[in-house]
Amino acid sequence: MRTLLVVLSLTLLSLIVTAADLSGTWSADVTLDAGSGTATFAFKQTGDKLTGTYTGVAGTADVTGTVKGSDVEWSFEAAQVGRVSYKGTLDSSGKIVGTVEYGQLGNGKFTAQKQK
């Protein structure tokens, strides 16, 4: 039993140490029912809180969201389209892949990659 607790503790510690920090600039290729385009996000991650800015076809906007393990969600309001919500997973290659609800423009998918 003691060995099991030690193993579980070390596993949990390794997950915390290797948790990804999404801070930085990300470029997202977005494909919607209404067409496709590119969005740029400048993220700052503090713990599980995600903040930043969006720049793209809908202008610019402040972004808020959360990071829980490899799952990430963020959203913003854009005057032209309404509420935009992204939900994705950080994969082993370092990309975020997921779905997006883009206000009045419809739903779609995205792949985001951190810029160097």
N, C-alpha and C. Protein backbone atom coordinates (compact mmCIF):
# COMPACT_ATOMS: atom_id res chain seq x y z
N MET A 1 0.82 -1.19 0.00
CA MET A 1 0.00 0.00 0.00
C MET A 1 0.87 1.27 0.00
N ARG A 2 1.92 1.23 0.80
CA ARG A 2 2.82 2.38 0.88
C ARG A 2 3.49 2.62 -0.47
N THR A 3 3.90 1.56 -1.13
CA THR A 3 4.52 1.67 -2.45
C THR A 3 3.55 2.27 -3.46
N LEU A 4 2.30 1.87 -3.40
CA LEU A 4 1.28 2.41 -4.30
C LEU A 4 1.10 3.90 -4.09
N LEU A 5 1.09 4.35 -2.85
CA LEU A 5 0.96 5.79 -2.56
C LEU A 5 2.16 6.57 -3.10
N VAL A 6 3.35 6.00 -2.95
CA VAL A 6 4.55 6.67 -3.47
C VAL A 6 4.49 6.78 -4.99
N VAL A 7 4.09 5.71 -5.65
CA VAL A 7 3.98 5.71 -7.11
C VAL A 7 2.94 6.71 -7.57
N LEU A 8 1.78 6.74 -6.93
CA LEU A 8 0.73 7.70 -7.29
C LEU A 8 1.19 9.13 -7.06
N SER A 9 1.89 9.37 -5.96
CA SER A 9 2.39 10.72 -5.68
C SER A 9 3.40 11.17 -6.73
N LEU A 10 4.31 10.28 -7.09
CA LEU A 10 5.30 10.62 -8.12
C LEU A 10 4.65 10.85 -9.48
N THR A 11 3.64 10.07 -9.80
CA THR A 11 2.91 10.25 -11.06
C THR A 11 2.23 11.60 -11.09
N LEU A 12 1.56 11.96 -10.00
CA LEU A 12 0.88 13.25 -9.92
C LEU A 12 1.90 14.39 -10.03
N LEU A 13 3.01 14.27 -9.35
CA LEU A 13 4.05 15.28 -9.41
C LEU A 13 4.59 15.44 -10.82
N SER A 14 4.78 14.35 -11.54
CA SER A 14 5.29 14.44 -12.91
C SER A 14 4.28 15.11 -13.83
N LEU A 15 2.99 14.90 -13.58
CA LEU A 15 1.96 15.57 -14.39
C LEU A 15 1.97 17.07 -14.15
N ILE A 16 2.16 17.47 -12.91
CA ILE A 16 2.20 18.89 -12.59
C ILE A 16 3.43 19.55 -13.21
N VAL A 17 4.58 18.89 -13.11
CA VAL A 17 5.83 19.44 -13.63
C VAL A 17 5.78 19.55 -15.15
N THR A 18 5.16 18.59 -15.84
CA THR A 18 5.15 18.59 -17.30
C THR A 18 3.92 19.29 -17.89
N ALA A 19 3.11 19.94 -17.06
CA ALA A 19 1.93 20.64 -17.57
C ALA A 19 2.38 21.72 -18.56
N ALA A 20 1.69 21.80 -19.66
CA ALA A 20 2.05 22.74 -20.72
C ALA A 20 1.69 24.16 -20.33
N ASP A 21 2.53 25.09 -20.71
CA ASP A 21 2.23 26.50 -20.55
C ASP A 21 1.91 27.03 -21.94
N LEU A 22 0.69 27.48 -22.12
CA LEU A 22 0.25 27.95 -23.44
C LEU A 22 0.60 29.40 -23.70
N SER A 23 1.29 30.06 -22.77
CA SER A 23 1.67 31.46 -22.95
C SER A 23 2.47 31.62 -24.24
N GLY A 24 2.13 32.65 -25.00
CA GLY A 24 2.81 32.92 -26.25
C GLY A 24 1.81 33.21 -27.36
N THR A 25 2.31 33.32 -28.57
CA THR A 25 1.47 33.63 -29.73
C THR A 25 1.18 32.35 -30.51
N TRP A 26 -0.09 32.13 -30.80
CA TRP A 26 -0.55 30.94 -31.51
C TRP A 26 -1.27 31.35 -32.79
N SER A 27 -1.05 30.60 -33.85
CA SER A 27 -1.74 30.79 -35.12
C SER A 27 -2.70 29.62 -35.31
N ALA A 28 -3.97 29.93 -35.54
CA ALA A 28 -4.99 28.89 -35.68
C ALA A 28 -5.57 28.89 -37.09
N ASP A 29 -5.52 27.73 -37.74
CA ASP A 29 -6.20 27.54 -39.02
C ASP A 29 -7.61 27.08 -38.69
N VAL A 30 -8.60 27.87 -39.13
CA VAL A 30 -10.00 27.64 -38.77
C VAL A 30 -10.80 27.32 -40.02
N THR A 31 -11.58 26.24 -39.96
CA THR A 31 -12.48 25.88 -41.05
C THR A 31 -13.90 25.85 -40.50
N LEU A 32 -14.76 26.73 -41.05
CA LEU A 32 -16.15 26.85 -40.61
C LEU A 32 -17.09 26.40 -41.71
N ASP A 33 -18.37 26.28 -41.36
CA ASP A 33 -19.40 26.02 -42.37
C ASP A 33 -19.38 27.11 -43.44
N ALA A 34 -19.05 28.34 -43.04
CA ALA A 34 -19.10 29.50 -43.93
C ALA A 34 -17.79 29.79 -44.65
N GLY A 35 -16.74 29.02 -44.40
CA GLY A 35 -15.45 29.27 -45.05
C GLY A 35 -14.30 29.00 -44.10
N SER A 36 -13.11 29.47 -44.49
CA SER A 36 -11.94 29.21 -43.65
C SER A 36 -11.08 30.46 -43.54
N GLY A 37 -10.19 30.45 -42.54
CA GLY A 37 -9.31 31.58 -42.33
C GLY A 37 -8.32 31.27 -41.23
N THR A 38 -7.58 32.31 -40.84
CA THR A 38 -6.56 32.17 -39.82
C THR A 38 -6.83 33.18 -38.70
N ALA A 39 -6.67 32.73 -37.47
CA ALA A 39 -6.80 33.60 -36.30
C ALA A 39 -5.48 33.57 -35.54
N THR A 40 -5.15 34.69 -34.91
CA THR A 40 -3.95 34.76 -34.09
C THR A 40 -4.36 35.05 -32.65
N PHE A 41 -3.77 34.28 -31.73
CA PHE A 41 -4.05 34.45 -30.30
C PHE A 41 -2.75 34.71 -29.57
N ALA A 42 -2.74 35.72 -28.73
CA ALA A 42 -1.61 35.98 -27.83
C ALA A 42 -2.09 35.61 -26.43
N PHE A 43 -1.64 34.46 -25.92
CA PHE A 43 -2.11 33.93 -24.65
C PHE A 43 -1.13 34.22 -23.52
N LYS A 44 -1.70 34.37 -22.32
CA LYS A 44 -0.93 34.37 -21.08
C LYS A 44 -1.63 33.39 -20.15
N GLN A 45 -0.89 32.39 -19.69
CA GLN A 45 -1.46 31.39 -18.79
C GLN A 45 -0.91 31.59 -17.39
N THR A 46 -1.82 31.67 -16.43
CA THR A 46 -1.47 31.74 -15.02
C THR A 46 -2.24 30.63 -14.32
N GLY A 47 -1.54 29.56 -13.92
CA GLY A 47 -2.24 28.40 -13.36
C GLY A 47 -3.13 27.80 -14.43
N ASP A 48 -4.43 27.65 -14.11
CA ASP A 48 -5.36 27.12 -15.11
C ASP A 48 -6.14 28.22 -15.81
N LYS A 49 -5.78 29.48 -15.55
CA LYS A 49 -6.47 30.63 -16.15
C LYS A 49 -5.74 31.07 -17.41
N LEU A 50 -6.51 31.30 -18.47
CA LEU A 50 -5.96 31.73 -19.75
C LEU A 50 -6.56 33.09 -20.11
N THR A 51 -5.72 34.06 -20.43
CA THR A 51 -6.17 35.38 -20.89
C THR A 51 -5.36 35.73 -22.13
N GLY A 52 -5.81 36.76 -22.83
CA GLY A 52 -5.05 37.20 -23.98
C GLY A 52 -5.88 37.99 -24.96
N THR A 53 -5.41 37.98 -26.22
CA THR A 53 -6.11 38.72 -27.27
C THR A 53 -6.26 37.86 -28.53
N TYR A 54 -7.32 38.16 -29.26
CA TYR A 54 -7.60 37.55 -30.55
C TYR A 54 -7.41 38.61 -31.62
N THR A 55 -6.85 38.22 -32.75
CA THR A 55 -6.78 39.08 -33.94
C THR A 55 -7.14 38.21 -35.13
N GLY A 56 -8.09 38.68 -35.94
CA GLY A 56 -8.51 37.91 -37.11
C GLY A 56 -9.59 38.60 -37.89
N VAL A 57 -10.34 37.85 -38.66
CA VAL A 57 -11.37 38.38 -39.55
C VAL A 57 -12.44 39.16 -38.78
N ALA A 58 -12.66 38.84 -37.52
CA ALA A 58 -13.67 39.53 -36.71
C ALA A 58 -13.09 40.72 -35.95
N GLY A 59 -11.85 41.13 -36.28
CA GLY A 59 -11.23 42.27 -35.62
C GLY A 59 -10.29 41.83 -34.52
N THR A 60 -10.36 42.53 -33.38
CA THR A 60 -9.57 42.16 -32.22
C THR A 60 -10.49 42.07 -31.01
N ALA A 61 -10.12 41.23 -30.05
CA ALA A 61 -10.96 41.06 -28.86
C ALA A 61 -10.13 40.47 -27.73
N ASP A 62 -10.58 40.72 -26.50
CA ASP A 62 -9.97 40.11 -25.32
C ASP A 62 -10.48 38.68 -25.18
N VAL A 63 -9.59 37.78 -24.80
CA VAL A 63 -9.89 36.36 -24.69
C VAL A 63 -9.76 35.93 -23.23
N THR A 64 -10.68 35.07 -22.78
CA THR A 64 -10.56 34.44 -21.48
C THR A 64 -10.83 32.95 -21.64
N GLY A 65 -10.20 32.14 -20.76
CA GLY A 65 -10.41 30.71 -20.86
C GLY A 65 -9.76 29.95 -19.73
N THR A 66 -9.72 28.62 -19.89
CA THR A 66 -9.15 27.74 -18.88
C THR A 66 -8.31 26.64 -19.53
N VAL A 67 -7.36 26.14 -18.75
CA VAL A 67 -6.54 25.01 -19.16
C VAL A 67 -6.64 23.97 -18.05
N LYS A 68 -7.07 22.77 -18.40
CA LYS A 68 -7.17 21.68 -17.43
C LYS A 68 -6.48 20.47 -18.02
N GLY A 69 -5.25 20.23 -17.58
CA GLY A 69 -4.46 19.15 -18.17
C GLY A 69 -4.15 19.49 -19.61
N SER A 70 -4.54 18.62 -20.54
CA SER A 70 -4.32 18.89 -21.96
C SER A 70 -5.56 19.51 -22.62
N ASP A 71 -6.64 19.70 -21.85
CA ASP A 71 -7.86 20.30 -22.39
C ASP A 71 -7.83 21.81 -22.20
N VAL A 72 -8.21 22.53 -23.24
CA VAL A 72 -8.19 23.99 -23.19
C VAL A 72 -9.47 24.54 -23.82
N GLU A 73 -9.98 25.60 -23.22
CA GLU A 73 -11.17 26.30 -23.74
C GLU A 73 -10.92 27.79 -23.62
N TRP A 74 -11.38 28.55 -24.63
CA TRP A 74 -11.33 30.00 -24.54
C TRP A 74 -12.43 30.59 -25.40
N SER A 75 -12.77 31.84 -25.10
CA SER A 75 -13.84 32.49 -25.84
C SER A 75 -13.64 34.01 -25.83
N PHE A 76 -14.40 34.65 -26.71
CA PHE A 76 -14.39 36.11 -26.79
C PHE A 76 -15.67 36.57 -27.48
N GLU A 77 -15.96 37.84 -27.34
CA GLU A 77 -17.11 38.46 -28.00
C GLU A 77 -16.60 39.31 -29.16
N ALA A 78 -17.21 39.15 -30.33
CA ALA A 78 -16.86 39.95 -31.50
C ALA A 78 -18.13 40.64 -32.00
N ALA A 79 -18.05 41.95 -32.17
CA ALA A 79 -19.22 42.74 -32.56
C ALA A 79 -19.88 42.22 -33.83
N GLN A 80 -19.09 41.77 -34.79
CA GLN A 80 -19.63 41.35 -36.09
C GLN A 80 -20.30 39.98 -36.06
N VAL A 81 -19.85 39.08 -35.16
CA VAL A 81 -20.36 37.70 -35.21
C VAL A 81 -20.96 37.21 -33.90
N GLY A 82 -20.73 37.89 -32.79
CA GLY A 82 -21.23 37.44 -31.50
C GLY A 82 -20.18 36.67 -30.73
N ARG A 83 -20.66 35.74 -29.90
CA ARG A 83 -19.75 34.96 -29.04
C ARG A 83 -19.03 33.87 -29.86
N VAL A 84 -17.71 33.79 -29.65
CA VAL A 84 -16.88 32.80 -30.31
C VAL A 84 -16.24 31.93 -29.23
N SER A 85 -16.41 30.60 -29.33
CA SER A 85 -15.90 29.67 -28.31
C SER A 85 -15.06 28.58 -28.95
N TYR A 86 -13.85 28.40 -28.43
CA TYR A 86 -12.94 27.35 -28.88
C TYR A 86 -12.81 26.30 -27.78
N LYS A 87 -12.80 25.02 -28.17
CA LYS A 87 -12.55 23.91 -27.24
C LYS A 87 -11.60 22.96 -27.94
N GLY A 88 -10.48 22.65 -27.26
CA GLY A 88 -9.50 21.79 -27.90
C GLY A 88 -8.66 21.01 -26.92
N THR A 89 -7.76 20.23 -27.49
CA THR A 89 -6.84 19.40 -26.73
C THR A 89 -5.44 19.62 -27.26
N LEU A 90 -4.50 19.83 -26.33
CA LEU A 90 -3.10 19.94 -26.71
C LEU A 90 -2.59 18.54 -26.98
N ASP A 91 -2.15 18.28 -28.22
CA ASP A 91 -1.71 16.93 -28.56
C ASP A 91 -0.21 16.77 -28.34
N SER A 92 0.29 15.57 -28.57
CA SER A 92 1.69 15.26 -28.29
C SER A 92 2.67 16.04 -29.18
N SER A 93 2.18 16.57 -30.31
CA SER A 93 3.06 17.35 -31.19
C SER A 93 3.11 18.82 -30.79
N GLY A 94 2.34 19.20 -29.76
CA GLY A 94 2.34 20.59 -29.32
C GLY A 94 1.29 21.45 -29.99
N LYS A 95 0.41 20.85 -30.80
CA LYS A 95 -0.67 21.59 -31.45
C LYS A 95 -1.95 21.46 -30.63
N ILE A 96 -2.81 22.47 -30.74
CA ILE A 96 -4.14 22.40 -30.14
C ILE A 96 -5.11 22.10 -31.26
N VAL A 97 -5.87 21.02 -31.12
CA VAL A 97 -6.83 20.60 -32.13
C VAL A 97 -8.21 20.54 -31.48
N GLY A 98 -9.23 21.09 -32.18
CA GLY A 98 -10.55 21.06 -31.57
C GLY A 98 -11.64 21.65 -32.44
N THR A 99 -12.69 22.07 -31.75
CA THR A 99 -13.88 22.61 -32.42
C THR A 99 -14.08 24.06 -32.01
N VAL A 100 -14.82 24.78 -32.86
CA VAL A 100 -15.10 26.18 -32.59
C VAL A 100 -16.55 26.48 -32.96
N GLU A 101 -17.19 27.28 -32.11
CA GLU A 101 -18.51 27.84 -32.41
C GLU A 101 -18.28 29.32 -32.67
N TYR A 102 -18.48 29.74 -33.91
CA TYR A 102 -18.09 31.07 -34.34
C TYR A 102 -19.30 31.98 -34.52
N GLY A 103 -20.08 32.14 -33.46
CA GLY A 103 -21.22 33.05 -33.48
C GLY A 103 -22.12 32.80 -34.67
N GLN A 104 -22.47 33.85 -35.37
CA GLN A 104 -23.39 33.78 -36.51
C GLN A 104 -22.77 33.09 -37.73
N LEU A 105 -21.46 32.89 -37.73
CA LEU A 105 -20.80 32.27 -38.89
C LEU A 105 -20.87 30.75 -38.86
N GLY A 106 -21.27 30.15 -37.74
CA GLY A 106 -21.43 28.71 -37.67
C GLY A 106 -20.34 28.00 -36.91
N ASN A 107 -20.34 26.69 -37.03
CA ASN A 107 -19.42 25.83 -36.30
C ASN A 107 -18.31 25.32 -37.21
N GLY A 108 -17.26 24.83 -36.59
CA GLY A 108 -16.17 24.30 -37.39
C GLY A 108 -15.10 23.64 -36.54
N LYS A 109 -13.92 23.51 -37.15
CA LYS A 109 -12.77 22.88 -36.51
C LYS A 109 -11.58 23.79 -36.64
N PHE A 110 -10.59 23.58 -35.75
CA PHE A 110 -9.38 24.39 -35.83
C PHE A 110 -8.16 23.56 -35.41
N THR A 111 -7.03 24.00 -35.89
CA THR A 111 -5.74 23.49 -35.45
C THR A 111 -4.86 24.70 -35.20
N ALA A 112 -4.32 24.80 -33.98
CA ALA A 112 -3.48 25.95 -33.61
C ALA A 112 -2.07 25.48 -33.30
N GLN A 113 -1.10 26.28 -33.72
CA GLN A 113 0.30 25.95 -33.49
C GLN A 113 0.99 27.18 -32.91
N LYS A 114 1.82 26.95 -31.91
CA LYS A 114 2.55 28.05 -31.26
C LYS A 114 3.62 28.56 -32.20
N GLN A 115 3.67 29.90 -32.34
CA GLN A 115 4.68 30.51 -33.19
C GLN A 115 5.98 30.62 -32.44
N LYS A 116 7.08 30.54 -33.17
CA LYS A 116 8.41 30.60 -32.55
C LYS A 116 8.99 31.97 -32.63
